[in-house]
C-alpha atoms as a PDB file:
ATOM      1  CA  UNK A   1     -12.912 -97.545-112.780  1.00  0.00           C
ATOM      2  CA  UNK A   2     -11.514 -94.859-115.052  1.00  0.00           C
ATOM      3  CA  UNK A   3     -10.765 -91.555-113.533  1.00  0.00           C
ATOM      4  CA  UNK A   4     -12.375 -89.619-116.368  1.00  0.00           C
ATOM      5  CA  UNK A   5     -15.880 -90.173-117.465  1.00  0.00           C
ATOM      6  CA  UNK A   6     -17.570 -90.736-120.942  1.00  0.00           C
ATOM      7  CA  UNK A   7     -20.299 -88.444-122.385  1.00  0.00           C
ATOM      8  CA  UNK A   8     -23.117 -90.905-121.920  1.00  0.00           C
ATOM      9  CA  UNK A   9     -22.387 -91.481-118.252  1.00  0.00           C
ATOM     10  CA  UNK A  10     -22.151 -87.979-117.467  1.00  0.00           C
ATOM     11  CA  UNK A  11     -25.476 -87.105-118.954  1.00  0.00           C
ATOM     12  CA  UNK A  12     -27.169 -90.210-117.445  1.00  0.00           C
ATOM     13  CA  UNK A  13     -25.857 -89.150-113.978  1.00  0.00           C
ATOM     14  CA  UNK A  14     -27.419 -85.758-114.347  1.00  0.00           C
ATOM     15  CA  UNK A  15     -30.698 -87.288-115.582  1.00  0.00           C
ATOM     16  CA  UNK A  16     -30.758 -89.378-112.415  1.00  0.00           C
ATOM     17  CA  UNK A  17     -29.987 -86.475-110.262  1.00  0.00           C
ATOM     18  CA  UNK A  18     -32.995 -84.552-111.458  1.00  0.00           C
ATOM     19  CA  UNK A  19     -35.310 -87.452-111.256  1.00  0.00           C
ATOM     20  CA  UNK A  20     -35.297 -88.727-114.957  1.00  0.00           C
ATOM     21  CA  UNK A  21     -34.868 -92.228-115.982  1.00  0.00           C
ATOM     22  CA  UNK A  22     -31.398 -93.046-117.656  1.00  0.00           C
ATOM     23  CA  UNK A  23     -31.249 -94.291-121.357  1.00  0.00           C
ATOM     24  CA  UNK A  24     -28.724 -96.666-122.947  1.00  0.00           C
ATOM     25  CA  UNK A  25     -27.369 -94.064-125.297  1.00  0.00           C
ATOM     26  CA  UNK A  26     -28.080 -90.417-124.665  1.00  0.00           C
ATOM     27  CA  UNK A  27     -26.302 -88.948-127.418  1.00  0.00           C
ATOM     28  CA  UNK A  28     -28.454 -90.815-130.042  1.00  0.00           C
ATOM     29  CA  UNK A  29     -31.590 -90.538-128.179  1.00  0.00           C
ATOM     30  CA  UNK A  30     -34.516 -88.669-129.792  1.00  0.00           C
ATOM     31  CA  UNK A  31     -35.994 -87.744-126.496  1.00  0.00           C
ATOM     32  CA  UNK A  32     -36.119 -83.924-126.319  1.00  0.00           C
ATOM     33  CA  UNK A  33     -34.653 -83.924-122.809  1.00  0.00           C
ATOM     34  CA  UNK A  34     -31.642 -85.927-123.864  1.00  0.00           C
ATOM     35  CA  UNK A  35     -31.299 -83.984-127.041  1.00  0.00           C
ATOM     36  CA  UNK A  36     -31.028 -80.832-124.644  1.00  0.00           C
ATOM     37  CA  UNK A  37     -28.809 -82.525-122.200  1.00  0.00           C
ATOM     38  CA  UNK A  38     -26.278 -83.346-125.014  1.00  0.00           C
ATOM     39  CA  UNK A  39     -26.252 -79.809-126.222  1.00  0.00           C
ATOM     40  CA  UNK A  40     -25.899 -78.429-122.902  1.00  0.00           C
ATOM     41  CA  UNK A  41     -23.087 -80.584-122.075  1.00  0.00           C
ATOM     42  CA  UNK A  42     -21.095 -79.420-125.175  1.00  0.00           C
ATOM     43  CA  UNK A  43     -21.970 -75.687-123.907  1.00  0.00           C
ATOM     44  CA  UNK A  44     -20.582 -76.306-120.445  1.00  0.00           C
ATOM     45  CA  UNK A  45     -17.609 -78.013-121.709  1.00  0.00           C
ATOM     46  CA  UNK A  46     -16.873 -75.057-123.898  1.00  0.00           C
ATOM     47  CA  UNK A  47     -17.597 -72.529-121.303  1.00  0.00           C
ATOM     48  CA  UNK A  48     -15.090 -74.306-118.843  1.00  0.00           C
ATOM     49  CA  UNK A  49     -12.404 -73.865-121.366  1.00  0.00           C
ATOM     50  CA  UNK A  50     -12.656 -70.068-121.013  1.00  0.00           C
ATOM     51  CA  UNK A  51     -13.207 -70.135-117.067  1.00  0.00           C
ATOM     52  CA  UNK A  52     -10.039 -71.483-115.885  1.00  0.00           C
ATOM     53  CA  UNK A  53      -6.708 -72.811-117.268  1.00  0.00           C
ATOM     54  CA  UNK A  54      -7.086 -76.329-116.442  1.00  0.00           C
ATOM     55  CA  UNK A  55      -3.845 -78.336-116.397  1.00  0.00           C
ATOM     56  CA  UNK A  56      -5.248 -81.023-118.751  1.00  0.00           C
ATOM     57  CA  UNK A  57      -5.691 -78.313-121.397  1.00  0.00           C
ATOM     58  CA  UNK A  58      -2.250 -76.956-121.350  1.00  0.00           C
ATOM     59  CA  UNK A  59      -0.189 -77.370-124.432  1.00  0.00           C
ATOM     60  CA  UNK A  60       3.094 -76.270-125.714  1.00  0.00           C
ATOM     61  CA  UNK A  61       3.824 -74.075-128.863  1.00  0.00           C
ATOM     62  CA  UNK A  62       7.207 -73.750-130.468  1.00  0.00           C
ATOM     63  CA  UNK A  63       8.599 -72.140-133.697  1.00  0.00           C
ATOM     64  CA  UNK A  64      12.215 -71.964-134.639  1.00  0.00           C
ATOM     65  CA  UNK A  65      12.684 -69.186-136.903  1.00  0.00           C
ATOM     66  CA  UNK A  66      14.381 -69.015-140.191  1.00  0.00           C
ATOM     67  CA  UNK A  67      15.749 -65.888-142.116  1.00  0.00           C
ATOM     68  CA  UNK A  68      13.266 -66.433-144.861  1.00  0.00           C
ATOM     69  CA  UNK A  69      10.259 -66.342-142.531  1.00  0.00           C
ATOM     70  CA  UNK A  70       7.685 -63.562-142.566  1.00  0.00           C
ATOM     71  CA  UNK A  71       7.562 -63.395-139.008  1.00  0.00           C
ATOM     72  CA  UNK A  72       3.872 -64.212-138.938  1.00  0.00           C
ATOM     73  CA  UNK A  73       2.914 -67.814-137.679  1.00  0.00           C
ATOM     74  CA  UNK A  74      -0.221 -69.681-137.548  1.00  0.00           C
ATOM     75  CA  UNK A  75      -1.617 -70.428-134.285  1.00  0.00           C
ATOM     76  CA  UNK A  76      -2.598 -74.098-133.440  1.00  0.00           C
ATOM     77  CA  UNK A  77      -5.774 -75.228-134.691  1.00  0.00           C
ATOM     78  CA  UNK A  78      -6.849 -75.983-131.096  1.00  0.00           C
ATOM     79  CA  UNK A  79      -5.673 -72.569-129.520  1.00  0.00           C
ATOM     80  CA  UNK A  80      -7.904 -70.780-127.198  1.00  0.00           C
ATOM     81  CA  UNK A  81      -5.538 -68.577-125.305  1.00  0.00           C
ATOM     82  CA  UNK A  82      -2.055 -67.985-124.392  1.00  0.00           C
ATOM     83  CA  UNK A  83      -0.887 -68.465-120.675  1.00  0.00           C
ATOM     84  CA  UNK A  84       0.439 -65.183-119.627  1.00  0.00           C
ATOM     85  CA  UNK A  85       4.074 -64.851-118.876  1.00  0.00           C
ATOM     86  CA  UNK A  86       5.008 -68.368-120.465  1.00  0.00           C
ATOM     87  CA  UNK A  87       6.749 -66.905-123.616  1.00  0.00           C
ATOM     88  CA  UNK A  88      10.372 -67.549-123.663  1.00  0.00           C
ATOM     89  CA  UNK A  89      13.204 -67.458-126.398  1.00  0.00           C
ATOM     90  CA  UNK A  90      15.242 -70.552-125.532  1.00  0.00           C
ATOM     91  CA  UNK A  91      18.342 -69.853-127.876  1.00  0.00           C
ATOM     92  CA  UNK A  92      19.213 -66.569-125.692  1.00  0.00           C
ATOM     93  CA  UNK A  93      17.366 -67.804-122.572  1.00  0.00           C
ATOM     94  CA  UNK A  94      15.292 -64.845-122.321  1.00  0.00           C
ATOM     95  CA  UNK A  95      11.586 -63.895-121.910  1.00  0.00           C
ATOM     96  CA  UNK A  96      10.117 -62.698-125.112  1.00  0.00           C
ATOM     97  CA  UNK A  97       8.713 -59.243-124.847  1.00  0.00           C
ATOM     98  CA  UNK A  98       5.027 -58.509-125.050  1.00  0.00           C
ATOM     99  CA  UNK A  99       2.289 -58.797-125.964  1.00  0.00           C
ATOM    100  CA  UNK A 100       2.785 -55.592-127.933  1.00  0.00           C
ATOM    101  CA  UNK A 101      -0.164 -53.426-128.343  1.00  0.00           C
ATOM    102  CA  UNK A 102      -1.057 -51.916-131.597  1.00  0.00           C
ATOM    103  CA  UNK A 103       0.512 -48.761-130.600  1.00  0.00           C
ATOM    104  CA  UNK A 104       3.836 -50.512-129.723  1.00  0.00           C
ATOM    105  CA  UNK A 105       3.944 -52.486-132.956  1.00  0.00           C
ATOM    106  CA  UNK A 106       3.360 -49.475-135.021  1.00  0.00           C
ATOM    107  CA  UNK A 107       6.053 -47.563-133.178  1.00  0.00           C
ATOM    108  CA  UNK A 108       8.676 -50.265-133.559  1.00  0.00           C
ATOM    109  CA  UNK A 109       7.855 -50.708-137.286  1.00  0.00           C
ATOM    110  CA  UNK A 110       7.786 -46.897-137.623  1.00  0.00           C
ATOM    111  CA  UNK A 111      11.162 -46.234-136.066  1.00  0.00           C
ATOM    112  CA  UNK A 112      12.878 -49.176-137.879  1.00  0.00           C
ATOM    113  CA  UNK A 113      14.562 -50.408-134.851  1.00  0.00           C
ATOM    114  CA  UNK A 114      15.340 -53.706-136.115  1.00  0.00           C
ATOM    115  CA  UNK A 115      19.014 -53.339-135.826  1.00  0.00           C
ATOM    116  CA  UNK A 116      18.718 -52.146-132.216  1.00  0.00           C
ATOM    117  CA  UNK A 117      16.298 -54.891-131.182  1.00  0.00           C
ATOM    118  CA  UNK A 118      18.306 -57.474-129.215  1.00  0.00           C
ATOM    119  CA  UNK A 119      15.355 -59.818-128.273  1.00  0.00           C
ATOM    120  CA  UNK A 120      12.133 -60.770-129.766  1.00  0.00           C
ATOM    121  CA  UNK A 121       8.772 -59.435-128.955  1.00  0.00           C
ATOM    122  CA  UNK A 122       5.367 -60.678-130.038  1.00  0.00           C
ATOM    123  CA  UNK A 123       1.670 -59.795-130.514  1.00  0.00           C
ATOM    124  CA  UNK A 124      -1.335 -61.978-131.361  1.00  0.00           C
ATOM    125  CA  UNK A 125      -3.472 -60.360-134.339  1.00  0.00           C
ATOM    126  CA  UNK A 126      -5.883 -61.813-136.786  1.00  0.00           C
ATOM    127  CA  UNK A 127      -5.576 -65.257-135.336  1.00  0.00           C
ATOM    128  CA  UNK A 128      -1.769 -65.294-135.973  1.00  0.00           C
ATOM    129  CA  UNK A 129       1.505 -64.993-133.900  1.00  0.00           C
ATOM    130  CA  UNK A 130       3.658 -62.033-134.910  1.00  0.00           C
ATOM    131  CA  UNK A 131       7.278 -61.527-133.740  1.00  0.00           C
ATOM    132  CA  UNK A 132       9.318 -58.687-134.032  1.00  0.00           C
ATOM    133  CA  UNK A 133      11.917 -58.046-135.456  1.00  0.00           C
ATOM    134  CA  UNK A 134      10.604 -58.639-138.852  1.00  0.00           C
ATOM    135  CA  UNK A 135      11.953 -58.110-142.402  1.00  0.00           C
ATOM    136  CA  UNK A 136      14.325 -59.673-141.780  1.00  0.00           C
ATOM    137  CA  UNK A 137      13.487 -62.146-139.132  1.00  0.00           C
ATOM    138  CA  UNK A 138      16.634 -63.421-137.267  1.00  0.00           C
ATOM    139  CA  UNK A 139      17.450 -66.962-137.856  1.00  0.00           C
ATOM    140  CA  UNK A 140      17.538 -69.377-135.005  1.00  0.00           C
ATOM    141  CA  UNK A 141      15.049 -67.949-132.534  1.00  0.00           C
ATOM    142  CA  UNK A 142      13.563 -70.649-130.510  1.00  0.00           C
ATOM    143  CA  UNK A 143      10.366 -69.175-129.486  1.00  0.00           C
ATOM    144  CA  UNK A 144       8.213 -71.008-126.858  1.00  0.00           C
ATOM    145  CA  UNK A 145       4.952 -70.661-124.805  1.00  0.00           C
ATOM    146  CA  UNK A 146       2.086 -72.491-123.353  1.00  0.00           C
ATOM    147  CA  UNK A 147      -1.340 -72.183-124.275  1.00  0.00           C
ATOM    148  CA  UNK A 148      -4.827 -73.604-123.328  1.00  0.00           C
ATOM    149  CA  UNK A 149      -6.292 -75.833-125.745  1.00  0.00           C
ATOM    150  CA  UNK A 150     -10.101 -75.695-126.695  1.00  0.00           C
ATOM    151  CA  UNK A 151     -10.137 -79.464-127.086  1.00  0.00           C
ATOM    152  CA  UNK A 152     -11.775 -80.870-123.940  1.00  0.00           C
ATOM    153  CA  UNK A 153     -13.008 -84.226-125.480  1.00  0.00           C
ATOM    154  CA  UNK A 154     -11.067 -87.184-126.361  1.00  0.00           C
ATOM    155  CA  UNK A 155     -12.350 -89.912-128.781  1.00  0.00           C
ATOM    156  CA  UNK A 156     -12.130 -93.337-127.035  1.00  0.00           C
ATOM    157  CA  UNK A 157      -9.821 -95.702-128.630  1.00  0.00           C
ATOM    158  CA  UNK A 158      -7.963 -93.287-131.133  1.00  0.00           C
ATOM    159  CA  UNK A 159      -6.970 -90.403-128.790  1.00  0.00           C
ATOM    160  CA  UNK A 160      -8.224 -87.857-131.192  1.00  0.00           C
ATOM    161  CA  UNK A 161      -9.075 -84.534-129.403  1.00  0.00           C
ATOM    162  CA  UNK A 162     -12.209 -82.317-130.199  1.00  0.00           C
ATOM    163  CA  UNK A 163     -14.156 -79.553-128.609  1.00  0.00           C
ATOM    164  CA  UNK A 164     -17.549 -81.299-129.057  1.00  0.00           C
ATOM    165  CA  UNK A 165     -19.015 -84.733-127.821  1.00  0.00           C
ATOM    166  CA  UNK A 166     -20.706 -86.518-130.645  1.00  0.00           C
ATOM    167  CA  UNK A 167     -20.877 -90.076-129.518  1.00  0.00           C
ATOM    168  CA  UNK A 168     -21.676 -91.560-125.962  1.00  0.00           C
ATOM    169  CA  UNK A 169     -18.153 -92.974-125.804  1.00  0.00           C
ATOM    170  CA  UNK A 170     -16.357 -89.640-126.039  1.00  0.00           C
ATOM    171  CA  UNK A 171     -14.256 -88.985-123.041  1.00  0.00           C
ATOM    172  CA  UNK A 172     -14.685 -85.689-121.178  1.00  0.00           C
ATOM    173  CA  UNK A 173     -11.157 -84.543-119.982  1.00  0.00           C
ATOM    174  CA  UNK A 174     -12.619 -82.463-116.978  1.00  0.00           C
ATOM    175  CA  UNK A 175     -13.018 -83.681-113.627  1.00  0.00           C
ATOM    176  CA  UNK A 176     -16.215 -85.740-113.577  1.00  0.00           C
ATOM    177  CA  UNK A 177     -18.018 -84.308-110.574  1.00  0.00           C
ATOM    178  CA  UNK A 178     -17.242 -80.830-111.790  1.00  0.00           C
ATOM    179  CA  UNK A 179     -18.964 -81.263-115.349  1.00  0.00           C
ATOM    180  CA  UNK A 180     -21.684 -83.238-113.799  1.00  0.00           C
ATOM    181  CA  UNK A 181     -22.638 -80.324-111.311  1.00  0.00           C
ATOM    182  CA  UNK A 182     -22.316 -77.787-114.061  1.00  0.00           C
ATOM    183  CA  UNK A 183     -24.431 -79.602-116.603  1.00  0.00           C
ATOM    184  CA  UNK A 184     -27.116 -80.031-113.767  1.00  0.00           C
ATOM    185  CA  UNK A 185     -27.339 -76.342-113.270  1.00  0.00           C
ATOM    186  CA  UNK A 186     -27.304 -75.521-116.747  1.00  0.00           C
ATOM    187  CA  UNK A 187     -30.251 -78.087-117.348  1.00  0.00           C
ATOM    188  CA  UNK A 188     -32.200 -76.609-114.386  1.00  0.00           C
ATOM    189  CA  UNK A 189     -31.757 -73.058-115.571  1.00  0.00           C
ATOM    190  CA  UNK A 190     -32.894 -73.959-119.188  1.00  0.00           C
ATOM    191  CA  UNK A 191     -36.037 -75.676-117.755  1.00  0.00           C
ATOM    192  CA  UNK A 192     -36.785 -72.542-115.545  1.00  0.00           C
ATOM    193  CA  UNK A 193     -36.552 -74.658-112.267  1.00  0.00           C
ATOM    194  CA  UNK A 194     -34.950 -73.487-109.020  1.00  0.00           C
ATOM    195  CA  UNK A 195     -31.195 -73.707-108.940  1.00  0.00           C
ATOM    196  CA  UNK A 196     -30.413 -72.658-105.579  1.00  0.00           C
ATOM    197  CA  UNK A 197     -29.122 -75.950-104.292  1.00  0.00           C
ATOM    198  CA  UNK A 198     -27.385 -76.901-107.310  1.00  0.00           C
ATOM    199  CA  UNK A 199     -25.533 -73.565-107.819  1.00  0.00           C
ATOM    200  CA  UNK A 200     -24.229 -74.100-104.187  1.00  0.00           C
ATOM    201  CA  UNK A 201     -23.095 -77.596-104.897  1.00  0.00           C
ATOM    202  CA  UNK A 202     -21.228 -76.293-108.181  1.00  0.00           C
ATOM    203  CA  UNK A 203     -19.642 -73.285-106.425  1.00  0.00           C
ATOM    204  CA  UNK A 204     -18.364 -75.807-103.621  1.00  0.00           C
ATOM    205  CA  UNK A 205     -16.856 -78.192-106.235  1.00  0.00           C
ATOM    206  CA  UNK A 206     -15.613 -75.188-108.421  1.00  0.00           C
ATOM    207  CA  UNK A 207     -13.753 -74.017-105.419  1.00  0.00           C
ATOM    208  CA  UNK A 208     -12.164 -77.378-104.620  1.00  0.00           C
ATOM    209  CA  UNK A 209     -11.189 -78.315-108.126  1.00  0.00           C
ATOM    210  CA  UNK A 210      -9.667 -75.069-108.917  1.00  0.00           C
ATOM    211  CA  UNK A 211      -7.683 -75.023-105.766  1.00  0.00           C
ATOM    212  CA  UNK A 212      -6.501 -78.487-106.413  1.00  0.00           C
ATOM    213  CA  UNK A 213      -5.976 -78.661-110.159  1.00  0.00           C
ATOM    214  CA  UNK A 214      -2.363 -77.741-110.286  1.00  0.00           C
ATOM    215  CA  UNK A 215      -1.379 -77.668-106.542  1.00  0.00           C
ATOM    216  CA  UNK A 216      -0.104 -74.444-104.736  1.00  0.00           C
ATOM    217  CA  UNK A 217       3.071 -73.207-103.457  1.00  0.00           C
ATOM    218  CA  UNK A 218       3.924 -73.000 -99.837  1.00  0.00           C
ATOM    219  CA  UNK A 219       3.170 -69.363 -98.480  1.00  0.00           C
ATOM    220  CA  UNK A 220       5.994 -68.015 -96.339  1.00  0.00           C
ATOM    221  CA  UNK A 221       5.169 -64.944 -94.295  1.00  0.00           C
ATOM    222  CA  UNK A 222       8.849 -64.513 -92.834  1.00  0.00           C
ATOM    223  CA  UNK A 223      11.941 -63.287 -94.444  1.00  0.00           C
ATOM    224  CA  UNK A 224      14.056 -66.485 -94.387  1.00  0.00           C
ATOM    225  CA  UNK A 225      17.411 -66.760 -96.169  1.00  0.00           C
ATOM    226  CA  UNK A 226      15.638 -68.238 -99.186  1.00  0.00           C
ATOM    227  CA  UNK A 227      13.097 -65.860-100.542  1.00  0.00           C
ATOM    228  CA  UNK A 228      12.475 -68.219-103.445  1.00  0.00           C
ATOM    229  CA  UNK A 229      12.918 -71.829-104.036  1.00  0.00           C
ATOM    230  CA  UNK A 230      14.702 -70.945-107.358  1.00  0.00           C
ATOM    231  CA  UNK A 231      16.581 -68.134-109.030  1.00  0.00           C
ATOM    232  CA  UNK A 232      14.536 -65.299-110.235  1.00  0.00           C
ATOM    233  CA  UNK A 233      14.091 -65.751-114.023  1.00  0.00           C
ATOM    234  CA  UNK A 234      14.087 -62.080-114.643  1.00  0.00           C
ATOM    235  CA  UNK A 235      16.494 -60.673-111.889  1.00  0.00           C
ATOM    236  CA  UNK A 236      18.977 -63.516-111.218  1.00  0.00           C
ATOM    237  CA  UNK A 237      20.183 -64.995-114.387  1.00  0.00           C
ATOM    238  CA  UNK A 238      22.413 -63.308-116.883  1.00  0.00           C
ATOM    239  CA  UNK A 239      22.255 -63.107-120.666  1.00  0.00           C
ATOM    240  CA  UNK A 240      23.750 -65.953-122.481  1.00  0.00           C
ATOM    241  CA  UNK A 241      27.556 -65.938-122.558  1.00  0.00           C
ATOM    242  CA  UNK A 242      27.745 -63.361-119.711  1.00  0.00           C
ATOM    243  CA  UNK A 243      31.094 -63.520-117.794  1.00  0.00           C
ATOM    244  CA  UNK A 244      32.465 -66.159-120.409  1.00  0.00           C
END
């Protein structure tokens, strides 16, 4: 049995839990109940993107600058949001500054501090990724960060990703029990039925899956000789070439 579930199985599972008969293909059904369940599945899937940084949705972004660049770069088509504190400039092995506020950006631009700007900083504006310094952009900056993709659906057979289920064979990338319980709550709410028990089930699964999605570090209340399992990226590593 596959670890992930297809859309038709998820909808039929919810239908069975609320006392409805399963159908062969819920996504193509003309029954109003299954039309509603299909729409609610898409709503639930899109909401879950915003509610937690699920590891299955984590994607890398990279841009290597050229001196002819404008300093403004398109974000990926599936970009939902940037994961905080993942921005690094690999050529100098330092974190990129930012995100810059509007005040920070206009201050830097107004003071014309390009010659004094050692490392890159960034802002997100107008659905673009802007870096500073600009005009000119230093060549060879290797900018990287991780982001959450809005694509939670995979087309079976092709591997193409999407943010909507359109056919019953589409694979939902979330943990099946989580999306099932969430869809059940949304359907009960839409119908005006009591959701007390269903919400409790969802809260229990939510707490379990968010805690297990990426694992967790071992907590240490003592002050042992190893305060961290690795060097501090900010306090313990020199700039490139230091001491050489």
